[in-house]
């Protein structure tokens, strides 16, 4: 694959992403200019705040706190195990040139990061 072809595809993607961003901003502006929409948004904000307060009170109870702690610990362990597994499967793929392991298939994903300045801005 030629570098020029890849760069052309990147440029096309960036152009379309910018068009989508501008279109979303236009629609957001239209919504914000409608009084009925803003009133409904305010009602939703109030209801959401009330629901959050009630939820926090329920979750603050002793047994629920313990369950939340267990969930958080398990989620952290899951994240760690997934990262390790990803590295191991990548190594397996590089060594064996196959995307099958123990009767299961896996995907090798490649993601293009934003340009250096934009990436650092978002992930400071």
PDB file of N, CA and C in Angstrom:
ATOM      1  N   UNK A   1       0.852  -1.175   0.000  1.00  0.00           N
ATOM      2  CA  UNK A   1       0.000   0.000   0.000  1.00  0.00           C
ATOM      3  C   UNK A   1       0.895   1.234   0.000  1.00  0.00           C
ATOM      4  N   UNK A   2       0.568   2.156  -0.865  1.00  0.00           N
ATOM      5  CA  UNK A   2       1.372   3.365  -0.986  1.00  0.00           C
ATOM      6  C   UNK A   2       1.018   4.378   0.096  1.00  0.00           C
ATOM      7  N   UNK A   3       2.004   5.140   0.502  1.00  0.00           N
ATOM      8  CA  UNK A   3       1.819   6.169   1.522  1.00  0.00           C
ATOM      9  C   UNK A   3       0.799   7.200   1.046  1.00  0.00           C
ATOM     10  N   UNK A   4       0.839   7.545  -0.216  1.00  0.00           N
ATOM     11  CA  UNK A   4      -0.083   8.549  -0.764  1.00  0.00           C
ATOM     12  C   UNK A   4      -1.531   8.091  -0.637  1.00  0.00           C
ATOM     13  N   UNK A   5      -1.779   6.808  -0.842  1.00  0.00           N
ATOM     14  CA  UNK A   5      -3.140   6.269  -0.728  1.00  0.00           C
ATOM     15  C   UNK A   5      -3.626   6.365   0.715  1.00  0.00           C
ATOM     16  N   UNK A   6      -2.763   6.019   1.634  1.00  0.00           N
ATOM     17  CA  UNK A   6      -3.126   6.094   3.048  1.00  0.00           C
ATOM     18  C   UNK A   6      -3.379   7.547   3.448  1.00  0.00           C
ATOM     19  N   UNK A   7      -2.509   8.447   3.018  1.00  0.00           N
ATOM     20  CA  UNK A   7      -2.677   9.862   3.362  1.00  0.00           C
ATOM     21  C   UNK A   7      -3.973  10.416   2.774  1.00  0.00           C
ATOM     22  N   UNK A   8      -4.311   9.990   1.546  1.00  0.00           N
ATOM     23  CA  UNK A   8      -5.560  10.439   0.922  1.00  0.00           C
ATOM     24  C   UNK A   8      -6.762   9.984   1.756  1.00  0.00           C
ATOM     25  N   UNK A   9      -6.729   8.740   2.230  1.00  0.00           N
ATOM     26  CA  UNK A   9      -7.826   8.217   3.046  1.00  0.00           C
ATOM     27  C   UNK A   9      -7.918   8.980   4.363  1.00  0.00           C
ATOM     28  N   UNK A  10      -6.781   9.277   4.968  1.00  0.00           N
ATOM     29  CA  UNK A  10      -6.772  10.054   6.211  1.00  0.00           C
ATOM     30  C   UNK A  10      -7.380  11.428   5.977  1.00  0.00           C
ATOM     31  N   UNK A  11      -6.982  12.084   4.883  1.00  0.00           N
ATOM     32  CA  UNK A  11      -7.526  13.408   4.563  1.00  0.00           C
ATOM     33  C   UNK A  11      -9.032  13.364   4.360  1.00  0.00           C
ATOM     34  N   UNK A  12      -9.527  12.328   3.660  1.00  0.00           N
ATOM     35  CA  UNK A  12     -10.969  12.174   3.451  1.00  0.00           C
ATOM     36  C   UNK A  12     -11.700  12.015   4.785  1.00  0.00           C
ATOM     37  N   UNK A  13     -11.140  11.180   5.659  1.00  0.00           N
ATOM     38  CA  UNK A  13     -11.743  10.971   6.978  1.00  0.00           C
ATOM     39  C   UNK A  13     -11.795  12.261   7.776  1.00  0.00           C
ATOM     40  N   UNK A  14     -10.688  12.984   7.806  1.00  0.00           N
ATOM     41  CA  UNK A  14     -10.641  14.231   8.563  1.00  0.00           C
ATOM     42  C   UNK A  14     -11.629  15.248   8.024  1.00  0.00           C
ATOM     43  N   UNK A  15     -11.774  15.326   6.712  1.00  0.00           N
ATOM     44  CA  UNK A  15     -12.720  16.263   6.100  1.00  0.00           C
ATOM     45  C   UNK A  15     -14.155  15.904   6.498  1.00  0.00           C
ATOM     46  N   UNK A  16     -14.502  14.631   6.398  1.00  0.00           N
ATOM     47  CA  UNK A  16     -15.858  14.205   6.761  1.00  0.00           C
ATOM     48  C   UNK A  16     -16.131  14.387   8.252  1.00  0.00           C
ATOM     49  N   UNK A  17     -15.142  14.084   9.083  1.00  0.00           N
ATOM     50  CA  UNK A  17     -15.322  14.284  10.523  1.00  0.00           C
ATOM     51  C   UNK A  17     -15.557  15.755  10.838  1.00  0.00           C
ATOM     52  N   UNK A  18     -14.861  16.638  10.167  1.00  0.00           N
ATOM     53  CA  UNK A  18     -15.055  18.078  10.373  1.00  0.00           C
ATOM     54  C   UNK A  18     -16.453  18.499   9.911  1.00  0.00           C
ATOM     55  N   UNK A  19     -16.917  17.959   8.771  1.00  0.00           N
ATOM     56  CA  UNK A  19     -18.266  18.277   8.293  1.00  0.00           C
ATOM     57  C   UNK A  19     -19.321  17.833   9.308  1.00  0.00           C
ATOM     58  N   UNK A  20     -19.135  16.650   9.884  1.00  0.00           N
ATOM     59  CA  UNK A  20     -20.074  16.152  10.888  1.00  0.00           C
ATOM     60  C   UNK A  20     -20.049  17.051  12.120  1.00  0.00           C
ATOM     61  N   UNK A  21     -18.853  17.458  12.558  1.00  0.00           N
ATOM     62  CA  UNK A  21     -18.734  18.326  13.729  1.00  0.00           C
ATOM     63  C   UNK A  21     -19.467  19.646  13.501  1.00  0.00           C
ATOM     64  N   UNK A  22     -19.281  20.250  12.327  1.00  0.00           N
ATOM     65  CA  UNK A  22     -19.936  21.522  12.009  1.00  0.00           C
ATOM     66  C   UNK A  22     -21.450  21.342  11.963  1.00  0.00           C
ATOM     67  N   UNK A  23     -21.913  20.258  11.348  1.00  0.00           N
ATOM     68  CA  UNK A  23     -23.355  20.003  11.250  1.00  0.00           C
ATOM     69  C   UNK A  23     -23.966  19.819  12.642  1.00  0.00           C
ATOM     70  N   UNK A  24     -23.265  19.095  13.513  1.00  0.00           N
ATOM     71  CA  UNK A  24     -23.768  18.899  14.880  1.00  0.00           C
ATOM     72  C   UNK A  24     -23.856  20.226  15.623  1.00  0.00           C
ATOM     73  N   UNK A  25     -22.857  21.076  15.442  1.00  0.00           N
ATOM     74  CA  UNK A  25     -22.870  22.396  16.081  1.00  0.00           C
ATOM     75  C   UNK A  25     -24.056  23.218  15.592  1.00  0.00           C
ATOM     76  N   UNK A  26     -24.346  23.136  14.295  1.00  0.00           N
ATOM     77  CA  UNK A  26     -25.491  23.872  13.738  1.00  0.00           C
ATOM     78  C   UNK A  26     -26.788  23.386  14.371  1.00  0.00           C
ATOM     79  N   UNK A  27     -26.949  22.066  14.461  1.00  0.00           N
ATOM     80  CA  UNK A  27     -28.165  21.516  15.057  1.00  0.00           C
ATOM     81  C   UNK A  27     -28.270  21.879  16.538  1.00  0.00           C
ATOM     82  N   UNK A  28     -27.161  21.850  17.230  1.00  0.00           N
ATOM     83  CA  UNK A  28     -27.155  22.226  18.644  1.00  0.00           C
ATOM     84  C   UNK A  28     -27.610  23.671  18.801  1.00  0.00           C
ATOM     85  N   UNK A  29     -27.135  24.542  17.932  1.00  0.00           N
ATOM     86  CA  UNK A  29     -27.544  25.940  17.962  1.00  0.00           C
ATOM     87  C   UNK A  29     -29.033  26.101  17.714  1.00  0.00           C
ATOM     88  N   UNK A  30     -29.548  25.342  16.764  1.00  0.00           N
ATOM     89  CA  UNK A  30     -30.991  25.396  16.480  1.00  0.00           C
ATOM     90  C   UNK A  30     -31.801  24.968  17.698  1.00  0.00           C
ATOM     91  N   UNK A  31     -31.374  23.903  18.344  1.00  0.00           N
ATOM     92  CA  UNK A  31     -32.099  23.426  19.517  1.00  0.00           C
ATOM     93  C   UNK A  31     -32.058  24.459  20.642  1.00  0.00           C
ATOM     94  N   UNK A  32     -30.893  25.047  20.855  1.00  0.00           N
ATOM     95  CA  UNK A  32     -30.742  26.012  21.935  1.00  0.00           C
ATOM     96  C   UNK A  32     -31.522  27.301  21.690  1.00  0.00           C
ATOM     97  N   UNK A  33     -31.900  27.574  20.458  1.00  0.00           N
ATOM     98  CA  UNK A  33     -32.666  28.772  20.129  1.00  0.00           C
ATOM     99  C   UNK A  33     -34.165  28.579  20.313  1.00  0.00           C
ATOM    100  N   UNK A  34     -34.600  27.369  20.618  1.00  0.00           N
ATOM    101  CA  UNK A  34     -36.024  27.082  20.801  1.00  0.00           C
ATOM    102  C   UNK A  34     -36.377  27.122  22.290  1.00  0.00           C
ATOM    103  N   UNK A  35     -37.300  28.010  22.652  1.00  0.00           N
ATOM    104  CA  UNK A  35     -37.694  28.171  24.051  1.00  0.00           C
ATOM    105  C   UNK A  35     -38.304  26.896  24.624  1.00  0.00           C
ATOM    106  N   UNK A  36     -39.180  26.230  23.846  1.00  0.00           N
ATOM    107  CA  UNK A  36     -39.813  24.994  24.323  1.00  0.00           C
ATOM    108  C   UNK A  36     -38.767  23.935  24.651  1.00  0.00           C
ATOM    109  N   UNK A  37     -37.774  23.821  23.814  1.00  0.00           N
ATOM    110  CA  UNK A  37     -36.707  22.843  24.026  1.00  0.00           C
ATOM    111  C   UNK A  37     -35.940  23.163  25.302  1.00  0.00           C
ATOM    112  N   UNK A  38     -35.613  24.433  25.490  1.00  0.00           N
ATOM    113  CA  UNK A  38     -34.862  24.828  26.686  1.00  0.00           C
ATOM    114  C   UNK A  38     -35.657  24.579  27.959  1.00  0.00           C
ATOM    115  N   UNK A  39     -36.968  24.847  27.913  1.00  0.00           N
ATOM    116  CA  UNK A  39     -37.807  24.583  29.077  1.00  0.00           C
ATOM    117  C   UNK A  39     -37.841  23.091  29.395  1.00  0.00           C
ATOM    118  N   UNK A  40     -37.994  22.281  28.367  1.00  0.00           N
ATOM    119  CA  UNK A  40     -38.010  20.826  28.569  1.00  0.00           C
ATOM    120  C   UNK A  40     -36.656  20.350  29.096  1.00  0.00           C
ATOM    121  N   UNK A  41     -35.571  20.922  28.604  1.00  0.00           N
ATOM    122  CA  UNK A  41     -34.234  20.553  29.077  1.00  0.00           C
ATOM    123  C   UNK A  41     -34.073  20.895  30.551  1.00  0.00           C
ATOM    124  N   UNK A  42     -34.627  22.018  30.977  1.00  0.00           N
ATOM    125  CA  UNK A  42     -34.556  22.404  32.384  1.00  0.00           C
ATOM    126  C   UNK A  42     -35.320  21.423  33.267  1.00  0.00           C
ATOM    127  N   UNK A  43     -36.489  20.986  32.804  1.00  0.00           N
ATOM    128  CA  UNK A  43     -37.278  20.007  33.554  1.00  0.00           C
ATOM    129  C   UNK A  43     -36.491  18.700  33.690  1.00  0.00           C
ATOM    130  N   UNK A  44     -35.856  18.300  32.615  1.00  0.00           N
ATOM    131  CA  UNK A  44     -35.053  17.067  32.643  1.00  0.00           C
ATOM    132  C   UNK A  44     -33.886  17.217  33.621  1.00  0.00           C
ATOM    133  N   UNK A  45     -33.226  18.371  33.611  1.00  0.00           N
ATOM    134  CA  UNK A  45     -32.099  18.595  34.527  1.00  0.00           C
ATOM    135  C   UNK A  45     -32.550  18.477  35.975  1.00  0.00           C
ATOM    136  N   UNK A  46     -33.695  19.065  36.297  1.00  0.00           N
ATOM    137  CA  UNK A  46     -34.209  18.993  37.666  1.00  0.00           C
ATOM    138  C   UNK A  46     -34.527  17.559  38.059  1.00  0.00           C
ATOM    139  N   UNK A  47     -35.200  16.832  37.158  1.00  0.00           N
ATOM    140  CA  UNK A  47     -35.556  15.441  37.450  1.00  0.00           C
ATOM    141  C   UNK A  47     -34.297  14.584  37.591  1.00  0.00           C
ATOM    142  N   UNK A  48     -33.315  14.834  36.769  1.00  0.00           N
ATOM    143  CA  UNK A  48     -32.059  14.083  36.834  1.00  0.00           C
ATOM    144  C   UNK A  48     -31.341  14.348  38.151  1.00  0.00           C
ATOM    145  N   UNK A  49     -31.318  15.588  38.591  1.00  0.00           N
ATOM    146  CA  UNK A  49     -30.672  15.932  39.860  1.00  0.00           C
ATOM    147  C   UNK A  49     -31.384  15.245  41.021  1.00  0.00           C
ATOM    148  N   UNK A  50     -32.713  15.234  40.995  1.00  0.00           N
ATOM    149  CA  UNK A  50     -33.492  14.588  42.055  1.00  0.00           C
ATOM    150  C   UNK A  50     -33.212  13.088  42.064  1.00  0.00           C
ATOM    151  N   UNK A  51     -33.204  12.469  40.891  1.00  0.00           N
ATOM    152  CA  UNK A  51     -32.938  11.036  40.791  1.00  0.00           C
ATOM    153  C   UNK A  51     -31.542  10.710  41.320  1.00  0.00           C
ATOM    154  N   UNK A  52     -30.554  11.554  40.980  1.00  0.00           N
ATOM    155  CA  UNK A  52     -29.186  11.325  41.436  1.00  0.00           C
ATOM    156  C   UNK A  52     -29.103  11.397  42.954  1.00  0.00           C
ATOM    157  N   UNK A  53     -29.790  12.357  43.545  1.00  0.00           N
ATOM    158  CA  UNK A  53     -29.777  12.496  45.002  1.00  0.00           C
ATOM    159  C   UNK A  53     -30.348  11.242  45.661  1.00  0.00           C
ATOM    160  N   UNK A  54     -31.478  10.777  45.160  1.00  0.00           N
ATOM    161  CA  UNK A  54     -32.105   9.576  45.715  1.00  0.00           C
ATOM    162  C   UNK A  54     -31.195   8.361  45.519  1.00  0.00           C
ATOM    163  N   UNK A  55     -30.625   8.234  44.344  1.00  0.00           N
ATOM    164  CA  UNK A  55     -29.734   7.116  44.041  1.00  0.00           C
ATOM    165  C   UNK A  55     -28.527   7.125  44.976  1.00  0.00           C
ATOM    166  N   UNK A  56     -27.931   8.288  45.177  1.00  0.00           N
ATOM    167  CA  UNK A  56     -26.765   8.402  46.056  1.00  0.00           C
ATOM    168  C   UNK A  56     -27.117   8.000  47.484  1.00  0.00           C
ATOM    169  N   UNK A  57     -28.310   8.375  47.940  1.00  0.00           N
ATOM    170  CA  UNK A  57     -28.738   8.011  49.292  1.00  0.00           C
ATOM    171  C   UNK A  57     -28.869   6.495  49.427  1.00  0.00           C
ATOM    172  N   UNK A  58     -29.441   5.876  48.423  1.00  0.00           N
ATOM    173  CA  UNK A  58     -29.626   4.416  48.452  1.00  0.00           C
ATOM    174  C   UNK A  58     -28.273   3.711  48.407  1.00  0.00           C
ATOM    175  N   UNK A  59     -27.394   4.167  47.524  1.00  0.00           N
ATOM    176  CA  UNK A  59     -26.093   3.517  47.373  1.00  0.00           C
ATOM    177  C   UNK A  59     -25.170   3.761  48.564  1.00  0.00           C
ATOM    178  N   UNK A  60     -25.456   4.777  49.353  1.00  0.00           N
ATOM    179  CA  UNK A  60     -24.609   5.089  50.513  1.00  0.00           C
ATOM    180  C   UNK A  60     -24.858   4.141  51.679  1.00  0.00           C
ATOM    181  N   UNK A  61     -25.902   3.373  51.619  1.00  0.00           N
ATOM    182  CA  UNK A  61     -26.205   2.426  52.688  1.00  0.00           C
ATOM    183  C   UNK A  61     -25.098   1.371  52.755  1.00  0.00           C
ATOM    184  N   UNK A  62     -24.806   0.904  53.972  1.00  0.00           N
ATOM    185  CA  UNK A  62     -23.716  -0.038  54.230  1.00  0.00           C
ATOM    186  C   UNK A  62     -23.575  -1.200  53.264  1.00  0.00           C
ATOM    187  N   UNK A  63     -24.611  -2.050  53.145  1.00  0.00           N
ATOM    188  CA  UNK A  63     -24.480  -3.220  52.259  1.00  0.00           C
ATOM    189  C   UNK A  63     -24.243  -2.818  50.799  1.00  0.00           C
ATOM    190  N   UNK A  64     -24.862  -1.739  50.396  1.00  0.00           N
ATOM    191  CA  UNK A  64     -24.695  -1.293  49.015  1.00  0.00           C
ATOM    192  C   UNK A  64     -23.284  -0.767  48.770  1.00  0.00           C
ATOM    193  N   UNK A  65     -22.692  -0.111  49.773  1.00  0.00           N
ATOM    194  CA  UNK A  65     -21.315   0.381  49.664  1.00  0.00           C
ATOM    195  C   UNK A  65     -20.363  -0.790  49.442  1.00  0.00           C
ATOM    196  N   UNK A  66     -20.592  -1.886  50.170  1.00  0.00           N
ATOM    197  CA  UNK A  66     -19.743  -3.067  50.033  1.00  0.00           C
ATOM    198  C   UNK A  66     -19.844  -3.627  48.610  1.00  0.00           C
ATOM    199  N   UNK A  67     -21.049  -3.698  48.111  1.00  0.00           N
ATOM    200  CA  UNK A  67     -21.254  -4.213  46.752  1.00  0.00           C
ATOM    201  C   UNK A  67     -20.568  -3.308  45.734  1.00  0.00           C
ATOM    202  N   UNK A  68     -20.708  -1.996  45.908  1.00  0.00           N
ATOM    203  CA  UNK A  68     -20.051  -1.051  44.992  1.00  0.00           C
ATOM    204  C   UNK A  68     -18.539  -1.211  45.018  1.00  0.00           C
ATOM    205  N   UNK A  69     -17.987  -1.434  46.198  1.00  0.00           N
ATOM    206  CA  UNK A  69     -16.544  -1.634  46.315  1.00  0.00           C
ATOM    207  C   UNK A  69     -16.121  -2.900  45.581  1.00  0.00           C
ATOM    208  N   UNK A  70     -16.886  -3.964  45.748  1.00  0.00           N
ATOM    209  CA  UNK A  70     -16.587  -5.220  45.050  1.00  0.00           C
ATOM    210  C   UNK A  70     -16.645  -5.035  43.537  1.00  0.00           C
ATOM    211  N   UNK A  71     -17.667  -4.320  43.083  1.00  0.00           N
ATOM    212  CA  UNK A  71     -17.808  -4.072  41.646  1.00  0.00           C
ATOM    213  C   UNK A  71     -16.601  -3.302  41.127  1.00  0.00           C
ATOM    214  N   UNK A  72     -16.210  -2.256  41.850  1.00  0.00           N
ATOM    215  CA  UNK A  72     -15.074  -1.435  41.419  1.00  0.00           C
ATOM    216  C   UNK A  72     -13.795  -2.265  41.365  1.00  0.00           C
ATOM    217  N   UNK A  73     -13.550  -3.072  42.382  1.00  0.00           N
ATOM    218  CA  UNK A  73     -12.356  -3.916  42.404  1.00  0.00           C
ATOM    219  C   UNK A  73     -12.368  -4.913  41.257  1.00  0.00           C
ATOM    220  N   UNK A  74     -13.518  -5.528  41.019  1.00  0.00           N
ATOM    221  CA  UNK A  74     -13.626  -6.491  39.923  1.00  0.00           C
ATOM    222  C   UNK A  74     -13.432  -5.814  38.564  1.00  0.00           C
ATOM    223  N   UNK A  75     -13.979  -4.617  38.399  1.00  0.00           N
ATOM    224  CA  UNK A  75     -13.818  -3.893  37.142  1.00  0.00           C
ATOM    225  C   UNK A  75     -12.347  -3.572  36.879  1.00  0.00           C
ATOM    226  N   UNK A  76     -11.637  -3.173  37.934  1.00  0.00           N
ATOM    227  CA  UNK A  76     -10.213  -2.891  37.786  1.00  0.00           C
ATOM    228  C   UNK A  76      -9.450  -4.153  37.383  1.00  0.00           C
ATOM    229  N   UNK A  77      -9.792  -5.275  37.999  1.00  0.00           N
ATOM    230  CA  UNK A  77      -9.145  -6.541  37.671  1.00  0.00           C
ATOM    231  C   UNK A  77      -9.461  -6.954  36.235  1.00  0.00           C
ATOM    232  N   UNK A  78     -10.714  -6.763  35.827  1.00  0.00           N
ATOM    233  CA  UNK A  78     -11.119  -7.084  34.454  1.00  0.00           C
ATOM    234  C   UNK A  78     -10.313  -6.245  33.468  1.00  0.00           C
ATOM    235  N   UNK A  79     -10.191  -4.958  33.736  1.00  0.00           N
ATOM    236  CA  UNK A  79      -9.425  -4.065  32.855  1.00  0.00           C
ATOM    237  C   UNK A  79      -7.983  -4.538  32.744  1.00  0.00           C
ATOM    238  N   UNK A  80      -7.371  -4.855  33.864  1.00  0.00           N
ATOM    239  CA  UNK A  80      -5.985  -5.320  33.863  1.00  0.00           C
ATOM    240  C   UNK A  80      -5.846  -6.617  33.078  1.00  0.00           C
ATOM    241  N   UNK A  81      -6.744  -7.570  33.335  1.00  0.00           N
ATOM    242  CA  UNK A  81      -6.684  -8.847  32.630  1.00  0.00           C
ATOM    243  C   UNK A  81      -6.881  -8.677  31.132  1.00  0.00           C
ATOM    244  N   UNK A  82      -7.777  -7.783  30.723  1.00  0.00           N
ATOM    245  CA  UNK A  82      -7.997  -7.539  29.291  1.00  0.00           C
ATOM    246  C   UNK A  82      -6.761  -6.949  28.637  1.00  0.00           C
ATOM    247  N   UNK A  83      -6.088  -6.026  29.329  1.00  0.00           N
ATOM    248  CA  UNK A  83      -4.868  -5.437  28.783  1.00  0.00           C
ATOM    249  C   UNK A  83      -3.787  -6.495  28.611  1.00  0.00           C
ATOM    250  N   UNK A  84      -3.638  -7.344  29.618  1.00  0.00           N
ATOM    251  CA  UNK A  84      -2.642  -8.417  29.541  1.00  0.00           C
ATOM    252  C   UNK A  84      -2.986  -9.380  28.415  1.00  0.00           C
ATOM    253  N   UNK A  85      -4.260  -9.774  28.349  1.00  0.00           N
ATOM    254  CA  UNK A  85      -4.698 -10.694  27.301  1.00  0.00           C
ATOM    255  C   UNK A  85      -4.469 -10.097  25.918  1.00  0.00           C
ATOM    256  N   UNK A  86      -4.752  -8.818  25.751  1.00  0.00           N
ATOM    257  CA  UNK A  86      -4.528  -8.162  24.461  1.00  0.00           C
ATOM    258  C   UNK A  86      -3.063  -8.248  24.056  1.00  0.00           C
ATOM    259  N   UNK A  87      -2.176  -7.975  25.001  1.00  0.00           N
ATOM    260  CA  UNK A  87      -0.742  -8.045  24.703  1.00  0.00           C
ATOM    261  C   UNK A  87      -0.335  -9.476  24.360  1.00  0.00           C
ATOM    262  N   UNK A  88      -0.855 -10.433  25.117  1.00  0.00           N
ATOM    263  CA  UNK A  88      -0.520 -11.835  24.856  1.00  0.00           C
ATOM    264  C   UNK A  88      -1.048 -12.298  23.504  1.00  0.00           C
ATOM    265  N   UNK A  89      -2.274 -11.910  23.160  1.00  0.00           N
ATOM    266  CA  UNK A  89      -2.832 -12.296  21.863  1.00  0.00           C
ATOM    267  C   UNK A  89      -2.087 -11.618  20.712  1.00  0.00           C
ATOM    268  N   UNK A  90      -1.650 -10.378  20.914  1.00  0.00           N
ATOM    269  CA  UNK A  90      -0.878  -9.692  19.883  1.00  0.00           C
ATOM    270  C   UNK A  90       0.438 -10.425  19.653  1.00  0.00           C
ATOM    271  N   UNK A  91       1.083 -10.821  20.728  1.00  0.00           N
ATOM    272  CA  UNK A  91       2.329 -11.579  20.620  1.00  0.00           C
ATOM    273  C   UNK A  91       2.075 -12.924  19.938  1.00  0.00           C
ATOM    274  N   UNK A  92       0.977 -13.593  20.324  1.00  0.00           N
ATOM    275  CA  UNK A  92       0.605 -14.857  19.699  1.00  0.00           C
ATOM    276  C   UNK A  92       0.389 -14.670  18.201  1.00  0.00           C
ATOM    277  N   UNK A  93      -0.307 -13.601  17.829  1.00  0.00           N
ATOM    278  CA  UNK A  93      -0.568 -13.321  16.420  1.00  0.00           C
ATOM    279  C   UNK A  93       0.739 -13.076  15.664  1.00  0.00           C
ATOM    280  N   UNK A  94       1.630 -12.293  16.250  1.00  0.00           N
ATOM    281  CA  UNK A  94       2.909 -12.006  15.593  1.00  0.00           C
ATOM    282  C   UNK A  94       3.746 -13.265  15.401  1.00  0.00           C
ATOM    283  N   UNK A  95       3.695 -14.163  16.345  1.00  0.00           N
ATOM    284  CA  UNK A  95       4.486 -15.385  16.256  1.00  0.00           C
ATOM    285  C   UNK A  95       3.876 -16.416  15.320  1.00  0.00           C
ATOM    286  N   UNK A  96       2.543 -16.511  15.325  1.00  0.00           N
ATOM    287  CA  UNK A  96       1.869 -17.590  14.603  1.00  0.00           C
ATOM    288  C   UNK A  96       1.117 -17.146  13.353  1.00  0.00           C
ATOM    289  N   UNK A  97       0.963 -15.836  13.158  1.00  0.00           N
ATOM    290  CA  UNK A  97       0.253 -15.292  12.002  1.00  0.00           C
ATOM    291  C   UNK A  97      -1.134 -15.914  11.830  1.00  0.00           C
ATOM    292  N   UNK A  98      -1.852 -16.061  12.941  1.00  0.00           N
ATOM    293  CA  UNK A  98      -3.225 -16.549  12.896  1.00  0.00           C
ATOM    294  C   UNK A  98      -4.045 -15.802  13.941  1.00  0.00           C
ATOM    295  N   UNK A  99      -5.330 -15.647  13.628  1.00  0.00           N
ATOM    296  CA  UNK A  99      -6.231 -14.967  14.557  1.00  0.00           C
ATOM    297  C   UNK A  99      -7.149 -15.962  15.271  1.00  0.00           C
ATOM    298  N   UNK A 100      -6.697 -17.203  15.365  1.00  0.00           N
ATOM    299  CA  UNK A 100      -7.462 -18.229  16.061  1.00  0.00           C
ATOM    300  C   UNK A 100      -6.644 -18.763  17.227  1.00  0.00           C
ATOM    301  N   UNK A 101      -7.329 -18.910  18.366  1.00  0.00           N
ATOM    302  CA  UNK A 101      -6.690 -19.428  19.564  1.00  0.00           C
ATOM    303  C   UNK A 101      -7.711 -20.267  20.320  1.00  0.00           C
ATOM    304  N   UNK A 102      -7.389 -21.534  20.546  1.00  0.00           N
ATOM    305  CA  UNK A 102      -8.261 -22.432  21.322  1.00  0.00           C
ATOM    306  C   UNK A 102      -9.703 -22.382  20.820  1.00  0.00           C
ATOM    307  N   UNK A 103      -9.888 -22.612  19.547  1.00  0.00           N
ATOM    308  CA  UNK A 103     -11.220 -22.639  18.922  1.00  0.00           C
ATOM    309  C   UNK A 103     -11.970 -21.316  19.020  1.00  0.00           C
ATOM    310  N   UNK A 104     -11.248 -20.223  19.217  1.00  0.00           N
ATOM    311  CA  UNK A 104     -11.855 -18.888  19.250  1.00  0.00           C
ATOM    312  C   UNK A 104     -11.073 -17.983  18.335  1.00  0.00           C
ATOM    313  N   UNK A 105     -11.766 -17.043  17.716  1.00  0.00           N
ATOM    314  CA  UNK A 105     -11.113 -16.053  16.871  1.00  0.00           C
ATOM    315  C   UNK A 105     -10.968 -14.756  17.668  1.00  0.00           C
ATOM    316  N   UNK A 106      -9.963 -13.974  17.295  1.00  0.00           N
ATOM    317  CA  UNK A 106      -9.806 -12.662  17.901  1.00  0.00           C
ATOM    318  C   UNK A 106      -9.478 -11.666  16.810  1.00  0.00           C
ATOM    319  N   UNK A 107      -9.702 -10.389  17.118  1.00  0.00           N
ATOM    320  CA  UNK A 107      -9.481  -9.306  16.166  1.00  0.00           C
ATOM    321  C   UNK A 107      -8.235  -8.544  16.550  1.00  0.00           C
ATOM    322  N   UNK A 108      -7.455  -8.205  15.529  1.00  0.00           N
ATOM    323  CA  UNK A 108      -6.322  -7.310  15.722  1.00  0.00           C
ATOM    324  C   UNK A 108      -6.786  -5.956  15.201  1.00  0.00           C
ATOM    325  N   UNK A 109      -6.856  -4.957  16.089  1.00  0.00           N
ATOM    326  CA  UNK A 109      -7.368  -3.645  15.717  1.00  0.00           C
ATOM    327  C   UNK A 109      -6.240  -2.627  15.637  1.00  0.00           C
ATOM    328  N   UNK A 110      -6.350  -1.758  14.651  1.00  0.00           N
ATOM    329  CA  UNK A 110      -5.412  -0.652  14.515  1.00  0.00           C
ATOM    330  C   UNK A 110      -6.243   0.616  14.507  1.00  0.00           C
ATOM    331  N   UNK A 111      -5.841   1.596  15.300  1.00  0.00           N
ATOM    332  CA  UNK A 111      -6.580   2.843  15.370  1.00  0.00           C
ATOM    333  C   UNK A 111      -5.604   3.985  15.157  1.00  0.00           C
ATOM    334  N   UNK A 112      -5.950   4.881  14.260  1.00  0.00           N
ATOM    335  CA  UNK A 112      -5.136   6.053  13.995  1.00  0.00           C
ATOM    336  C   UNK A 112      -5.427   7.101  15.054  1.00  0.00           C
ATOM    337  N   UNK A 113      -4.386   7.553  15.743  1.00  0.00           N
ATOM    338  CA  UNK A 113      -4.543   8.584  16.765  1.00  0.00           C
ATOM    339  C   UNK A 113      -4.547   9.953  16.103  1.00  0.00           C
ATOM    340  N   UNK A 114      -5.127  10.947  16.768  1.00  0.00           N
ATOM    341  CA  UNK A 114      -5.104  12.306  16.212  1.00  0.00           C
ATOM    342  C   UNK A 114      -3.662  12.783  16.035  1.00  0.00           C
ATOM    343  N   UNK A 115      -3.523  13.854  15.276  1.00  0.00           N
ATOM    344  CA  UNK A 115      -2.197  14.434  15.088  1.00  0.00           C
ATOM    345  C   UNK A 115      -1.592  14.757  16.442  1.00  0.00           C
ATOM    346  N   UNK A 116      -0.277  14.830  16.515  1.00  0.00           N
ATOM    347  CA  UNK A 116       0.421  14.989  17.791  1.00  0.00           C
ATOM    348  C   UNK A 116      -0.173  16.075  18.674  1.00  0.00           C
ATOM    349  N   UNK A 117      -0.320  17.273  18.187  1.00  0.00           N
ATOM    350  CA  UNK A 117      -0.853  18.369  18.998  1.00  0.00           C
ATOM    351  C   UNK A 117      -2.246  18.077  19.512  1.00  0.00           C
ATOM    352  N   UNK A 118      -3.122  17.532  18.661  1.00  0.00           N
ATOM    353  CA  UNK A 118      -4.497  17.227  19.056  1.00  0.00           C
ATOM    354  C   UNK A 118      -4.538  16.085  20.063  1.00  0.00           C
ATOM    355  N   UNK A 119      -3.690  15.076  19.884  1.00  0.00           N
ATOM    356  CA  UNK A 119      -3.676  13.934  20.791  1.00  0.00           C
ATOM    357  C   UNK A 119      -3.245  14.385  22.184  1.00  0.00           C
ATOM    358  N   UNK A 120      -2.191  15.190  22.236  1.00  0.00           N
ATOM    359  CA  UNK A 120      -1.687  15.668  23.524  1.00  0.00           C
ATOM    360  C   UNK A 120      -2.716  16.565  24.206  1.00  0.00           C
ATOM    361  N   UNK A 121      -3.461  17.340  23.414  1.00  0.00           N
ATOM    362  CA  UNK A 121      -4.485  18.231  23.966  1.00  0.00           C
ATOM    363  C   UNK A 121      -5.591  17.424  24.634  1.00  0.00           C
ATOM    364  N   UNK A 122      -6.016  16.285  23.993  1.00  0.00           N
ATOM    365  CA  UNK A 122      -7.105  15.484  24.501  1.00  0.00           C
ATOM    366  C   UNK A 122      -6.657  14.552  25.615  1.00  0.00           C
ATOM    367  N   UNK A 123      -5.409  14.147  25.621  1.00  0.00           N
ATOM    368  CA  UNK A 123      -4.941  13.158  26.582  1.00  0.00           C
ATOM    369  C   UNK A 123      -3.829  13.680  27.469  1.00  0.00           C
ATOM    370  N   UNK A 124      -3.692  15.012  27.531  1.00  0.00           N
ATOM    371  CA  UNK A 124      -2.723  15.733  28.304  1.00  0.00           C
ATOM    372  C   UNK A 124      -1.918  14.960  29.195  1.00  0.00           C
TER     373      UNK A 124
END
